């Protein structure tokens, strides 16, 4: 994991998520909504996130958003 997050950005836990009754998953970065998962995508995400621990959860959410893998994201 240390090879993936060399600058320890995920240690700050910038990502969070919330699931709704209608099986949608809302993913947030620093409190701002960045993506919504629906259907099979949300089922797959919830299955993976349940088994993961803190830093893994952050990595899963970063990968799902797609735009947070370049290392040049601006902080608030």
C-alpha atoms as a PDB file:
ATOM      1  CA  UNK A   1       0.000   0.000   0.000  1.00  0.00           C
ATOM      2  CA  UNK A   2       2.868   2.405   0.711  1.00  0.00           C
ATOM      3  CA  UNK A   3       3.932   2.223  -2.950  1.00  0.00           C
ATOM      4  CA  UNK A   4       0.492   3.396  -4.039  1.00  0.00           C
ATOM      5  CA  UNK A   5       0.120   6.303  -1.612  1.00  0.00           C
ATOM      6  CA  UNK A   6       3.657   7.669  -1.416  1.00  0.00           C
ATOM      7  CA  UNK A   7       2.558  11.099  -0.156  1.00  0.00           C
ATOM      8  CA  UNK A   8       0.135   9.655   2.430  1.00  0.00           C
ATOM      9  CA  UNK A   9      -2.855  11.524   1.030  1.00  0.00           C
ATOM     10  CA  UNK A  10      -5.195   8.628   1.817  1.00  0.00           C
ATOM     11  CA  UNK A  11      -4.061   8.654   5.444  1.00  0.00           C
ATOM     12  CA  UNK A  12      -5.951  11.925   5.794  1.00  0.00           C
ATOM     13  CA  UNK A  13      -9.125  10.052   4.762  1.00  0.00           C
ATOM     14  CA  UNK A  14     -10.364  12.556   2.162  1.00  0.00           C
ATOM     15  CA  UNK A  15     -13.028  10.185   0.807  1.00  0.00           C
ATOM     16  CA  UNK A  16     -16.314   9.150   2.351  1.00  0.00           C
ATOM     17  CA  UNK A  17     -19.461   7.496   1.071  1.00  0.00           C
ATOM     18  CA  UNK A  18     -23.136   7.158   1.829  1.00  0.00           C
ATOM     19  CA  UNK A  19     -25.502   4.505   0.526  1.00  0.00           C
ATOM     20  CA  UNK A  20     -29.199   5.106   0.010  1.00  0.00           C
ATOM     21  CA  UNK A  21     -32.276   2.890   0.214  1.00  0.00           C
ATOM     22  CA  UNK A  22     -32.547   2.681  -3.567  1.00  0.00           C
ATOM     23  CA  UNK A  23     -29.059   1.092  -3.815  1.00  0.00           C
ATOM     24  CA  UNK A  24     -27.210   4.223  -4.892  1.00  0.00           C
ATOM     25  CA  UNK A  25     -23.807   5.022  -3.430  1.00  0.00           C
ATOM     26  CA  UNK A  26     -22.688   8.643  -3.183  1.00  0.00           C
ATOM     27  CA  UNK A  27     -18.932   9.154  -2.947  1.00  0.00           C
ATOM     28  CA  UNK A  28     -17.539  12.370  -1.474  1.00  0.00           C
ATOM     29  CA  UNK A  29     -14.088  13.956  -1.507  1.00  0.00           C
ATOM     30  CA  UNK A  30     -13.542  16.467   1.314  1.00  0.00           C
ATOM     31  CA  UNK A  31     -17.320  16.630   1.744  1.00  0.00           C
ATOM     32  CA  UNK A  32     -18.058  17.374  -1.916  1.00  0.00           C
ATOM     33  CA  UNK A  33     -19.968  14.800  -3.940  1.00  0.00           C
ATOM     34  CA  UNK A  34     -17.817  13.539  -6.805  1.00  0.00           C
ATOM     35  CA  UNK A  35     -19.665  10.489  -8.127  1.00  0.00           C
ATOM     36  CA  UNK A  36     -22.748   8.309  -7.807  1.00  0.00           C
ATOM     37  CA  UNK A  37     -22.745   4.547  -8.283  1.00  0.00           C
ATOM     38  CA  UNK A  38     -25.913   2.680  -9.273  1.00  0.00           C
ATOM     39  CA  UNK A  39     -26.991  -0.903  -9.884  1.00  0.00           C
ATOM     40  CA  UNK A  40     -24.263  -3.514 -10.276  1.00  0.00           C
ATOM     41  CA  UNK A  41     -21.525  -0.924  -9.741  1.00  0.00           C
ATOM     42  CA  UNK A  42     -22.896  -0.006  -6.325  1.00  0.00           C
ATOM     43  CA  UNK A  43     -23.380  -3.674  -5.351  1.00  0.00           C
ATOM     44  CA  UNK A  44     -19.791  -4.468  -6.298  1.00  0.00           C
ATOM     45  CA  UNK A  45     -18.496  -1.392  -4.456  1.00  0.00           C
ATOM     46  CA  UNK A  46     -20.390  -2.188  -1.248  1.00  0.00           C
ATOM     47  CA  UNK A  47     -19.173  -5.800  -1.284  1.00  0.00           C
ATOM     48  CA  UNK A  48     -15.544  -4.659  -1.622  1.00  0.00           C
ATOM     49  CA  UNK A  49     -15.771  -1.822   0.897  1.00  0.00           C
ATOM     50  CA  UNK A  50     -17.290  -4.093   3.592  1.00  0.00           C
ATOM     51  CA  UNK A  51     -14.198  -6.314   3.631  1.00  0.00           C
ATOM     52  CA  UNK A  52     -11.628  -3.508   3.495  1.00  0.00           C
ATOM     53  CA  UNK A  53      -9.964  -1.633   6.322  1.00  0.00           C
ATOM     54  CA  UNK A  54      -9.513   2.140   6.543  1.00  0.00           C
ATOM     55  CA  UNK A  55      -6.713   2.863   4.062  1.00  0.00           C
ATOM     56  CA  UNK A  56      -7.977   0.200   1.639  1.00  0.00           C
ATOM     57  CA  UNK A  57     -11.408   1.844   1.702  1.00  0.00           C
ATOM     58  CA  UNK A  58      -9.807   5.142   0.748  1.00  0.00           C
ATOM     59  CA  UNK A  59      -7.966   3.508  -2.144  1.00  0.00           C
ATOM     60  CA  UNK A  60     -11.128   1.783  -3.391  1.00  0.00           C
ATOM     61  CA  UNK A  61     -13.024   5.082  -3.371  1.00  0.00           C
ATOM     62  CA  UNK A  62     -10.157   6.890  -5.118  1.00  0.00           C
ATOM     63  CA  UNK A  63     -10.073   4.280  -7.865  1.00  0.00           C
ATOM     64  CA  UNK A  64     -13.851   4.315  -8.343  1.00  0.00           C
ATOM     65  CA  UNK A  65     -13.894   8.076  -8.890  1.00  0.00           C
ATOM     66  CA  UNK A  66     -11.347   7.758 -11.691  1.00  0.00           C
ATOM     67  CA  UNK A  67     -10.045  11.332 -11.600  1.00  0.00           C
ATOM     68  CA  UNK A  68      -8.064  10.909  -8.417  1.00  0.00           C
ATOM     69  CA  UNK A  69      -5.249   8.732  -9.659  1.00  0.00           C
ATOM     70  CA  UNK A  70      -2.879  11.229 -11.213  1.00  0.00           C
ATOM     71  CA  UNK A  71      -1.302  12.661  -8.051  1.00  0.00           C
ATOM     72  CA  UNK A  72      -1.891  16.255  -9.114  1.00  0.00           C
ATOM     73  CA  UNK A  73      -5.215  16.836  -7.409  1.00  0.00           C
ATOM     74  CA  UNK A  74      -5.469  20.207  -5.717  1.00  0.00           C
ATOM     75  CA  UNK A  75      -6.196  20.353  -2.030  1.00  0.00           C
ATOM     76  CA  UNK A  76      -8.867  22.699  -0.673  1.00  0.00           C
END
